[in-house]
N, C-alpha and C. Protein backbone atom coordinates (compact mmCIF):
# COMPACT_ATOMS: atom_id res chain seq x y z
N UNK A 1 148.64 6.05 -235.76
CA UNK A 1 148.60 7.15 -234.82
C UNK A 1 147.16 7.34 -234.38
N UNK A 2 146.98 7.60 -233.11
CA UNK A 2 145.66 7.86 -232.58
C UNK A 2 145.66 9.15 -231.78
N UNK A 3 144.52 9.79 -231.76
CA UNK A 3 144.36 11.01 -230.97
C UNK A 3 143.14 10.81 -230.08
N UNK A 4 143.34 11.04 -228.79
CA UNK A 4 142.23 10.91 -227.83
C UNK A 4 141.91 12.27 -227.24
N UNK A 5 140.67 12.41 -226.85
CA UNK A 5 140.24 13.64 -226.20
C UNK A 5 139.47 13.29 -224.94
N UNK A 6 139.43 14.23 -224.02
CA UNK A 6 138.71 14.02 -222.77
C UNK A 6 137.50 14.92 -222.75
N UNK A 7 136.36 14.34 -222.41
CA UNK A 7 135.16 15.16 -222.31
C UNK A 7 135.14 15.91 -220.99
N UNK A 8 134.63 17.11 -221.04
CA UNK A 8 134.44 17.90 -219.82
C UNK A 8 132.96 17.98 -219.46
N UNK A 9 132.12 17.32 -220.26
CA UNK A 9 130.68 17.30 -220.05
C UNK A 9 130.32 16.01 -219.34
N UNK A 10 129.89 16.13 -218.09
CA UNK A 10 129.69 14.95 -217.25
C UNK A 10 128.67 13.98 -217.86
N UNK A 11 127.64 14.47 -218.52
CA UNK A 11 126.64 13.60 -219.12
C UNK A 11 127.24 12.71 -220.21
N UNK A 12 128.30 13.17 -220.86
CA UNK A 12 128.93 12.39 -221.92
C UNK A 12 129.90 11.34 -221.38
N UNK A 13 130.18 11.36 -220.08
CA UNK A 13 131.09 10.40 -219.49
C UNK A 13 130.53 8.99 -219.47
N UNK A 14 129.22 8.82 -219.73
CA UNK A 14 128.66 7.47 -219.78
C UNK A 14 129.30 6.66 -220.89
N UNK A 15 129.83 7.32 -221.92
CA UNK A 15 130.55 6.65 -223.01
C UNK A 15 132.05 6.64 -222.75
N UNK A 16 132.48 7.11 -221.60
CA UNK A 16 133.89 7.18 -221.24
C UNK A 16 134.41 8.60 -221.28
N UNK A 17 135.27 8.93 -220.31
CA UNK A 17 135.86 10.27 -220.27
C UNK A 17 136.81 10.50 -221.43
N UNK A 18 137.55 9.48 -221.79
CA UNK A 18 138.54 9.59 -222.86
C UNK A 18 138.03 8.82 -224.06
N UNK A 19 137.92 9.50 -225.18
CA UNK A 19 137.39 8.91 -226.40
C UNK A 19 138.28 9.28 -227.58
N UNK A 20 138.25 8.47 -228.64
CA UNK A 20 138.99 8.87 -229.83
C UNK A 20 138.45 10.20 -230.38
N UNK A 21 139.35 11.05 -230.81
CA UNK A 21 138.96 12.34 -231.37
C UNK A 21 138.39 12.12 -232.76
N UNK A 22 137.47 13.00 -233.14
CA UNK A 22 136.94 13.02 -234.49
C UNK A 22 137.37 14.33 -235.12
N UNK A 23 138.14 14.24 -236.19
CA UNK A 23 138.64 15.43 -236.86
C UNK A 23 138.20 15.36 -238.32
N UNK A 24 137.48 16.40 -238.75
CA UNK A 24 136.95 16.47 -240.12
C UNK A 24 136.16 15.21 -240.45
N UNK A 25 135.39 14.71 -239.49
CA UNK A 25 134.55 13.54 -239.70
C UNK A 25 135.27 12.21 -239.64
N UNK A 26 136.58 12.22 -239.43
CA UNK A 26 137.36 10.98 -239.37
C UNK A 26 137.72 10.68 -237.92
N UNK A 27 137.39 9.46 -237.50
CA UNK A 27 137.71 9.03 -236.14
C UNK A 27 139.18 8.64 -236.06
N UNK A 28 139.89 9.21 -235.08
CA UNK A 28 141.35 9.00 -234.94
C UNK A 28 141.64 8.01 -233.82
N UNK A 29 141.11 6.79 -233.96
CA UNK A 29 141.34 5.80 -232.90
C UNK A 29 142.52 4.90 -233.24
N UNK A 30 143.00 4.21 -232.24
CA UNK A 30 144.10 3.27 -232.38
C UNK A 30 143.95 2.18 -231.32
N UNK A 31 144.55 1.02 -231.51
CA UNK A 31 144.42 -0.06 -230.53
C UNK A 31 145.22 0.25 -229.26
N UNK A 32 144.53 0.52 -228.18
CA UNK A 32 145.18 0.94 -226.94
C UNK A 32 146.08 -0.14 -226.35
N UNK A 33 145.75 -1.40 -226.55
CA UNK A 33 146.55 -2.49 -225.98
C UNK A 33 147.95 -2.58 -226.58
N UNK A 34 148.19 -1.87 -227.68
CA UNK A 34 149.50 -1.89 -228.33
C UNK A 34 150.23 -0.56 -228.18
N UNK A 35 149.88 0.17 -227.14
CA UNK A 35 150.44 1.50 -226.95
C UNK A 35 150.72 1.73 -225.46
N UNK A 36 151.79 2.44 -225.18
CA UNK A 36 152.07 2.94 -223.83
C UNK A 36 152.37 4.43 -223.98
N UNK A 37 151.45 5.25 -223.52
CA UNK A 37 151.63 6.69 -223.64
C UNK A 37 152.86 7.11 -222.84
N UNK A 38 153.74 7.84 -223.47
CA UNK A 38 154.93 8.37 -222.80
C UNK A 38 156.15 7.47 -222.84
N UNK A 39 156.04 6.29 -223.46
CA UNK A 39 157.17 5.37 -223.47
C UNK A 39 158.41 5.95 -224.17
N UNK A 40 158.29 6.63 -225.30
CA UNK A 40 159.50 7.17 -225.92
C UNK A 40 160.28 8.12 -225.00
N UNK A 41 159.56 8.88 -224.17
CA UNK A 41 160.21 9.82 -223.26
C UNK A 41 160.75 9.13 -222.01
N UNK A 42 160.21 7.97 -221.66
CA UNK A 42 160.58 7.31 -220.41
C UNK A 42 161.54 6.13 -220.58
N UNK A 43 161.68 5.60 -221.77
CA UNK A 43 162.38 4.31 -221.92
C UNK A 43 163.83 4.34 -221.46
N UNK A 44 164.57 5.43 -221.68
CA UNK A 44 165.96 5.47 -221.23
C UNK A 44 166.06 5.46 -219.71
N UNK A 45 165.16 6.17 -219.04
CA UNK A 45 165.15 6.18 -217.57
C UNK A 45 164.70 4.84 -217.01
N UNK A 46 163.75 4.21 -217.67
CA UNK A 46 163.31 2.88 -217.25
C UNK A 46 164.48 1.91 -217.31
N UNK A 47 165.24 2.02 -218.38
CA UNK A 47 166.42 1.13 -218.53
C UNK A 47 167.43 1.38 -217.41
N UNK A 48 167.69 2.67 -217.09
CA UNK A 48 168.67 3.01 -216.04
C UNK A 48 168.21 2.55 -214.66
N UNK A 49 166.95 2.85 -214.33
CA UNK A 49 166.43 2.55 -212.99
C UNK A 49 165.83 1.15 -212.87
N UNK A 50 165.61 0.50 -214.02
CA UNK A 50 165.01 -0.83 -214.06
C UNK A 50 163.63 -0.86 -213.43
N UNK A 51 162.95 0.28 -213.45
CA UNK A 51 161.63 0.42 -212.84
C UNK A 51 160.75 1.26 -213.75
N UNK A 52 159.48 0.86 -213.85
CA UNK A 52 158.50 1.64 -214.60
C UNK A 52 157.24 1.78 -213.77
N UNK A 53 156.59 2.91 -213.88
CA UNK A 53 155.30 3.15 -213.24
C UNK A 53 154.24 3.14 -214.33
N UNK A 54 153.20 2.34 -214.12
CA UNK A 54 152.08 2.29 -215.06
C UNK A 54 150.88 2.96 -214.42
N UNK A 55 150.35 3.97 -215.09
CA UNK A 55 149.14 4.67 -214.64
C UNK A 55 148.07 4.49 -215.71
N UNK A 56 146.87 4.96 -215.41
CA UNK A 56 145.77 4.79 -216.35
C UNK A 56 145.79 5.85 -217.46
N UNK A 57 145.99 7.11 -217.10
CA UNK A 57 145.73 8.18 -218.07
C UNK A 57 146.97 8.96 -218.47
N UNK A 58 146.85 9.57 -219.62
CA UNK A 58 147.89 10.44 -220.13
C UNK A 58 148.15 11.60 -219.16
N UNK A 59 147.08 12.10 -218.57
CA UNK A 59 147.18 13.21 -217.61
C UNK A 59 148.09 12.85 -216.45
N UNK A 60 148.00 11.62 -215.97
CA UNK A 60 148.83 11.19 -214.84
C UNK A 60 150.31 11.17 -215.20
N UNK A 61 150.63 10.79 -216.44
CA UNK A 61 152.02 10.83 -216.90
C UNK A 61 152.53 12.25 -216.90
N UNK A 62 151.72 13.16 -217.40
CA UNK A 62 152.12 14.58 -217.44
C UNK A 62 152.27 15.15 -216.03
N UNK A 63 151.38 14.76 -215.11
CA UNK A 63 151.52 15.21 -213.73
C UNK A 63 152.82 14.68 -213.13
N UNK A 64 153.13 13.41 -213.35
CA UNK A 64 154.36 12.83 -212.84
C UNK A 64 155.56 13.62 -213.35
N UNK A 65 155.56 13.92 -214.65
CA UNK A 65 156.68 14.68 -215.22
C UNK A 65 156.75 16.09 -214.65
N UNK A 66 155.61 16.67 -214.31
CA UNK A 66 155.66 18.01 -213.71
C UNK A 66 156.23 17.96 -212.30
N UNK A 67 156.06 16.85 -211.59
CA UNK A 67 156.62 16.70 -210.24
C UNK A 67 158.12 16.40 -210.26
N UNK A 68 158.54 15.52 -211.16
CA UNK A 68 159.90 14.98 -211.11
C UNK A 68 160.76 15.36 -212.32
N UNK A 69 160.17 16.02 -213.28
CA UNK A 69 160.92 16.45 -214.46
C UNK A 69 160.94 15.39 -215.54
N UNK A 70 161.07 15.83 -216.77
CA UNK A 70 161.09 14.89 -217.89
C UNK A 70 162.36 14.04 -217.89
N UNK A 71 163.45 14.58 -217.33
CA UNK A 71 164.71 13.83 -217.31
C UNK A 71 164.68 12.69 -216.28
N UNK A 72 163.66 12.66 -215.42
CA UNK A 72 163.53 11.59 -214.42
C UNK A 72 162.29 10.73 -214.66
N UNK A 73 161.64 10.91 -215.77
CA UNK A 73 160.37 10.23 -216.01
C UNK A 73 160.53 8.72 -216.21
N UNK A 74 159.75 7.96 -215.44
CA UNK A 74 159.66 6.50 -215.62
C UNK A 74 158.19 6.08 -215.70
N UNK A 75 157.32 7.03 -215.98
CA UNK A 75 155.88 6.82 -215.92
C UNK A 75 155.28 6.71 -217.33
N UNK A 76 154.44 5.68 -217.53
CA UNK A 76 153.74 5.49 -218.79
C UNK A 76 152.27 5.20 -218.49
N UNK A 77 151.40 5.42 -219.48
CA UNK A 77 149.97 5.18 -219.30
C UNK A 77 149.48 4.10 -220.24
N UNK A 78 148.59 3.25 -219.72
CA UNK A 78 147.96 2.22 -220.53
C UNK A 78 146.67 2.71 -221.17
N UNK A 79 146.25 3.91 -220.82
CA UNK A 79 145.03 4.52 -221.39
C UNK A 79 143.81 3.66 -221.10
N UNK A 80 143.71 3.23 -219.87
CA UNK A 80 142.61 2.38 -219.42
C UNK A 80 142.97 1.78 -218.08
N UNK A 81 142.35 0.66 -217.76
CA UNK A 81 142.63 0.05 -216.46
C UNK A 81 143.02 -1.42 -216.58
N UNK A 82 143.61 -1.76 -217.71
CA UNK A 82 144.14 -3.11 -217.87
C UNK A 82 145.50 -3.03 -218.56
N UNK A 83 146.29 -4.04 -218.34
CA UNK A 83 147.63 -4.10 -218.91
C UNK A 83 147.69 -5.31 -219.84
N UNK A 84 148.01 -5.06 -221.09
CA UNK A 84 148.09 -6.16 -222.05
C UNK A 84 149.46 -6.84 -221.99
N UNK A 85 149.51 -8.04 -222.49
CA UNK A 85 150.76 -8.79 -222.56
C UNK A 85 151.78 -8.01 -223.41
N UNK A 86 151.31 -7.39 -224.47
CA UNK A 86 152.18 -6.61 -225.35
C UNK A 86 152.78 -5.42 -224.60
N UNK A 87 151.97 -4.72 -223.83
CA UNK A 87 152.46 -3.57 -223.05
C UNK A 87 153.50 -4.02 -222.03
N UNK A 88 153.24 -5.13 -221.38
CA UNK A 88 154.20 -5.65 -220.40
C UNK A 88 155.50 -6.01 -221.10
N UNK A 89 155.42 -6.61 -222.28
CA UNK A 89 156.62 -6.98 -223.01
C UNK A 89 157.41 -5.74 -223.42
N UNK A 90 156.72 -4.66 -223.79
CA UNK A 90 157.42 -3.41 -224.12
C UNK A 90 158.27 -2.94 -222.94
N UNK A 91 157.73 -3.04 -221.73
CA UNK A 91 158.47 -2.60 -220.55
C UNK A 91 159.62 -3.56 -220.22
N UNK A 92 159.40 -4.84 -220.40
CA UNK A 92 160.49 -5.81 -220.20
C UNK A 92 161.61 -5.55 -221.21
N UNK A 93 161.24 -5.24 -222.45
CA UNK A 93 162.23 -4.95 -223.48
C UNK A 93 163.02 -3.67 -223.18
N UNK A 94 162.43 -2.77 -222.40
CA UNK A 94 163.14 -1.55 -221.99
C UNK A 94 164.07 -1.80 -220.81
N UNK A 95 164.01 -2.99 -220.22
CA UNK A 95 164.89 -3.32 -219.11
C UNK A 95 164.24 -3.21 -217.75
N UNK A 96 162.92 -3.07 -217.70
CA UNK A 96 162.24 -2.98 -216.41
C UNK A 96 162.36 -4.30 -215.66
N UNK A 97 162.68 -4.18 -214.38
CA UNK A 97 162.71 -5.35 -213.50
C UNK A 97 161.64 -5.22 -212.41
N UNK A 98 161.10 -4.01 -212.26
CA UNK A 98 159.96 -3.79 -211.36
C UNK A 98 158.94 -2.92 -212.08
N UNK A 99 157.69 -3.32 -211.97
CA UNK A 99 156.57 -2.54 -212.48
C UNK A 99 155.77 -2.07 -211.26
N UNK A 100 155.53 -0.78 -211.21
CA UNK A 100 154.72 -0.20 -210.14
C UNK A 100 153.40 0.23 -210.77
N UNK A 101 152.31 -0.40 -210.35
CA UNK A 101 150.99 -0.10 -210.90
C UNK A 101 150.35 0.98 -210.04
N UNK A 102 150.02 2.10 -210.67
CA UNK A 102 149.40 3.23 -209.97
C UNK A 102 148.06 3.58 -210.59
N UNK A 103 147.11 2.65 -210.49
CA UNK A 103 145.79 2.89 -211.08
C UNK A 103 144.94 3.77 -210.17
N UNK A 104 143.88 4.31 -210.74
CA UNK A 104 142.97 5.20 -210.02
C UNK A 104 142.29 4.48 -208.85
N UNK A 105 141.89 5.28 -207.88
CA UNK A 105 141.11 4.74 -206.75
C UNK A 105 139.65 4.72 -207.19
N UNK A 106 139.19 3.58 -207.62
CA UNK A 106 137.84 3.45 -208.17
C UNK A 106 136.82 2.99 -207.14
N UNK A 107 136.93 3.49 -205.93
CA UNK A 107 135.93 3.19 -204.91
C UNK A 107 135.93 4.34 -203.90
N UNK A 108 134.81 4.47 -203.22
CA UNK A 108 134.66 5.55 -202.24
C UNK A 108 135.08 5.09 -200.85
N UNK A 109 134.61 3.91 -200.45
CA UNK A 109 134.86 3.43 -199.10
C UNK A 109 135.41 2.01 -199.13
N UNK A 110 136.14 1.68 -198.06
CA UNK A 110 136.68 0.33 -197.89
C UNK A 110 135.56 -0.64 -197.53
N UNK A 111 135.85 -1.91 -197.71
CA UNK A 111 134.93 -3.00 -197.35
C UNK A 111 133.58 -2.85 -198.06
N UNK A 112 133.65 -2.50 -199.34
CA UNK A 112 132.46 -2.41 -200.18
C UNK A 112 132.69 -3.31 -201.39
N UNK A 113 131.64 -3.65 -202.10
CA UNK A 113 131.85 -4.44 -203.33
C UNK A 113 132.80 -3.74 -204.31
N UNK A 114 132.75 -2.41 -204.36
CA UNK A 114 133.62 -1.67 -205.27
C UNK A 114 135.09 -1.81 -204.88
N UNK A 115 135.40 -1.69 -203.58
CA UNK A 115 136.79 -1.82 -203.15
C UNK A 115 137.29 -3.25 -203.36
N UNK A 116 136.44 -4.24 -203.12
CA UNK A 116 136.82 -5.63 -203.35
C UNK A 116 137.07 -5.90 -204.82
N UNK A 117 136.28 -5.26 -205.69
CA UNK A 117 136.46 -5.42 -207.13
C UNK A 117 137.83 -4.88 -207.58
N UNK A 118 138.22 -3.73 -207.02
CA UNK A 118 139.52 -3.15 -207.35
C UNK A 118 140.64 -4.07 -206.88
N UNK A 119 140.53 -4.58 -205.68
CA UNK A 119 141.54 -5.49 -205.14
C UNK A 119 141.66 -6.72 -206.02
N UNK A 120 140.54 -7.28 -206.43
CA UNK A 120 140.57 -8.46 -207.30
C UNK A 120 141.22 -8.16 -208.64
N UNK A 121 140.96 -6.97 -209.19
CA UNK A 121 141.57 -6.59 -210.46
C UNK A 121 143.09 -6.51 -210.33
N UNK A 122 143.58 -5.93 -209.24
CA UNK A 122 145.02 -5.82 -209.02
C UNK A 122 145.64 -7.20 -208.77
N UNK A 123 144.94 -8.04 -208.05
CA UNK A 123 145.45 -9.40 -207.82
C UNK A 123 145.56 -10.17 -209.14
N UNK A 124 144.62 -9.95 -210.06
CA UNK A 124 144.68 -10.62 -211.37
C UNK A 124 145.90 -10.15 -212.16
N UNK A 125 146.21 -8.86 -212.08
CA UNK A 125 147.40 -8.35 -212.75
C UNK A 125 148.63 -9.03 -212.18
N UNK A 126 148.69 -9.15 -210.86
CA UNK A 126 149.82 -9.81 -210.23
C UNK A 126 149.92 -11.27 -210.65
N UNK A 127 148.79 -11.97 -210.65
CA UNK A 127 148.80 -13.38 -211.02
C UNK A 127 149.22 -13.57 -212.48
N UNK A 128 148.85 -12.64 -213.34
CA UNK A 128 149.16 -12.76 -214.76
C UNK A 128 150.63 -12.49 -215.06
N UNK A 129 151.24 -11.50 -214.36
CA UNK A 129 152.58 -11.06 -214.72
C UNK A 129 153.62 -11.23 -213.61
N UNK A 130 153.20 -11.51 -212.38
CA UNK A 130 154.13 -11.56 -211.25
C UNK A 130 155.18 -12.64 -211.34
N UNK A 131 155.00 -13.63 -212.18
CA UNK A 131 156.00 -14.70 -212.34
C UNK A 131 157.19 -14.23 -213.17
N UNK A 132 157.01 -13.17 -213.98
CA UNK A 132 158.11 -12.74 -214.86
C UNK A 132 158.75 -11.41 -214.45
N UNK A 133 158.14 -10.71 -213.50
CA UNK A 133 158.68 -9.40 -213.09
C UNK A 133 158.15 -9.05 -211.71
N UNK A 134 158.92 -8.25 -210.95
CA UNK A 134 158.44 -7.78 -209.65
C UNK A 134 157.35 -6.73 -209.89
N UNK A 135 156.24 -6.89 -209.20
CA UNK A 135 155.13 -5.95 -209.34
C UNK A 135 154.76 -5.43 -207.96
N UNK A 136 154.61 -4.11 -207.88
CA UNK A 136 154.11 -3.48 -206.66
C UNK A 136 152.99 -2.52 -207.06
N UNK A 137 152.27 -2.03 -206.06
CA UNK A 137 151.08 -1.23 -206.32
C UNK A 137 151.07 0.03 -205.48
N UNK A 138 150.74 1.15 -206.10
CA UNK A 138 150.48 2.39 -205.37
C UNK A 138 149.02 2.31 -204.97
N UNK A 139 148.76 1.62 -203.87
CA UNK A 139 147.39 1.35 -203.44
C UNK A 139 147.09 2.18 -202.21
N UNK A 140 146.06 2.98 -202.29
CA UNK A 140 145.76 3.97 -201.26
C UNK A 140 145.02 3.35 -200.08
N UNK A 141 145.77 2.72 -199.18
CA UNK A 141 145.17 2.20 -197.95
C UNK A 141 145.11 3.28 -196.87
N UNK A 142 145.58 4.48 -197.20
CA UNK A 142 145.67 5.58 -196.22
C UNK A 142 144.59 6.64 -196.43
N UNK A 143 143.70 6.43 -197.39
CA UNK A 143 142.62 7.38 -197.71
C UNK A 143 143.15 8.77 -198.05
N UNK A 144 144.22 8.82 -198.81
CA UNK A 144 144.77 10.09 -199.29
C UNK A 144 144.01 10.61 -200.50
N UNK A 145 143.46 9.68 -201.29
CA UNK A 145 142.86 10.03 -202.56
C UNK A 145 141.34 10.01 -202.49
N UNK A 146 140.73 10.85 -203.29
CA UNK A 146 139.28 10.84 -203.46
C UNK A 146 138.92 9.70 -204.40
N UNK A 147 137.65 9.36 -204.43
CA UNK A 147 137.18 8.37 -205.40
C UNK A 147 137.49 8.86 -206.81
N UNK A 148 137.95 7.98 -207.66
CA UNK A 148 138.30 8.22 -209.07
C UNK A 148 139.62 8.97 -209.25
N UNK A 149 140.33 9.29 -208.18
CA UNK A 149 141.59 10.02 -208.29
C UNK A 149 142.73 9.06 -208.57
N UNK A 150 143.71 9.55 -209.33
CA UNK A 150 144.92 8.76 -209.58
C UNK A 150 145.95 9.10 -208.50
N UNK A 151 146.98 8.29 -208.34
CA UNK A 151 148.01 8.58 -207.35
C UNK A 151 148.74 9.90 -207.58
N UNK A 152 148.64 10.47 -208.76
CA UNK A 152 149.29 11.76 -209.04
C UNK A 152 148.37 12.95 -208.83
N UNK A 153 147.08 12.71 -208.61
CA UNK A 153 146.10 13.81 -208.56
C UNK A 153 146.18 14.68 -207.32
N UNK A 154 146.73 14.19 -206.24
CA UNK A 154 146.71 14.93 -204.97
C UNK A 154 148.04 15.57 -204.62
N UNK A 155 148.91 15.73 -205.60
CA UNK A 155 150.18 16.42 -205.38
C UNK A 155 151.36 15.49 -205.20
N UNK A 156 152.52 16.10 -205.29
CA UNK A 156 153.79 15.36 -205.23
C UNK A 156 153.97 14.65 -203.88
N UNK A 157 153.62 15.31 -202.78
CA UNK A 157 153.82 14.72 -201.46
C UNK A 157 152.98 13.46 -201.27
N UNK A 158 151.72 13.52 -201.70
CA UNK A 158 150.85 12.34 -201.59
C UNK A 158 151.40 11.21 -202.46
N UNK A 159 151.85 11.54 -203.67
CA UNK A 159 152.42 10.52 -204.54
C UNK A 159 153.65 9.89 -203.89
N UNK A 160 154.54 10.72 -203.36
CA UNK A 160 155.75 10.19 -202.73
C UNK A 160 155.43 9.31 -201.54
N UNK A 161 154.39 9.66 -200.78
CA UNK A 161 153.98 8.84 -199.65
C UNK A 161 153.51 7.47 -200.14
N UNK A 162 152.66 7.47 -201.18
CA UNK A 162 152.19 6.21 -201.74
C UNK A 162 153.35 5.40 -202.31
N UNK A 163 154.32 6.09 -202.90
CA UNK A 163 155.50 5.41 -203.45
C UNK A 163 156.29 4.71 -202.33
N UNK A 164 156.54 5.43 -201.25
CA UNK A 164 157.32 4.84 -200.15
C UNK A 164 156.58 3.68 -199.48
N UNK A 165 155.25 3.69 -199.56
CA UNK A 165 154.44 2.66 -198.90
C UNK A 165 153.72 1.77 -199.92
N UNK A 166 154.33 1.60 -201.10
CA UNK A 166 153.67 0.78 -202.11
C UNK A 166 153.54 -0.65 -201.61
N UNK A 167 152.52 -1.31 -202.13
CA UNK A 167 152.12 -2.64 -201.68
C UNK A 167 152.72 -3.69 -202.61
N UNK A 168 153.38 -4.67 -202.02
CA UNK A 168 153.91 -5.80 -202.77
C UNK A 168 153.13 -7.03 -202.34
N UNK A 169 152.60 -7.75 -203.32
CA UNK A 169 151.84 -8.97 -203.00
C UNK A 169 152.78 -10.16 -202.88
């Protein structure tokens, strides 16, 4: 079991916004590549709909559930910005036939090295897993999101718009 906490002190974000919690001097970390936050609550819906949404943070899963309800949840978090083979296998074992990647918008403007880096990261995910499952992306080509925002950060309507216009490579 692991417990993570989010810093609210901007100067401490140089070590990451989300860090393992320290309780009574004991660090409560766990291997993130072997975990999908929210999977126990989402697995039955993933099986029914054959679709899963992967986001970066626990907060995004909770936002998704606040928009669509826990009984409709298909959203899980990788607690970072990469997807491990183990995490992908967990979703395949749940019956997912489509994975929708909804990672944060980690760039301010288009046609910059930062935006190209994000595109390359998403293309690598597709190249790694696209042969075994359909993959689409909630990619903000419409400038709905601020830099560092997740697809769930700007409200239900913005999320639904990105969902309807998700990108398939």
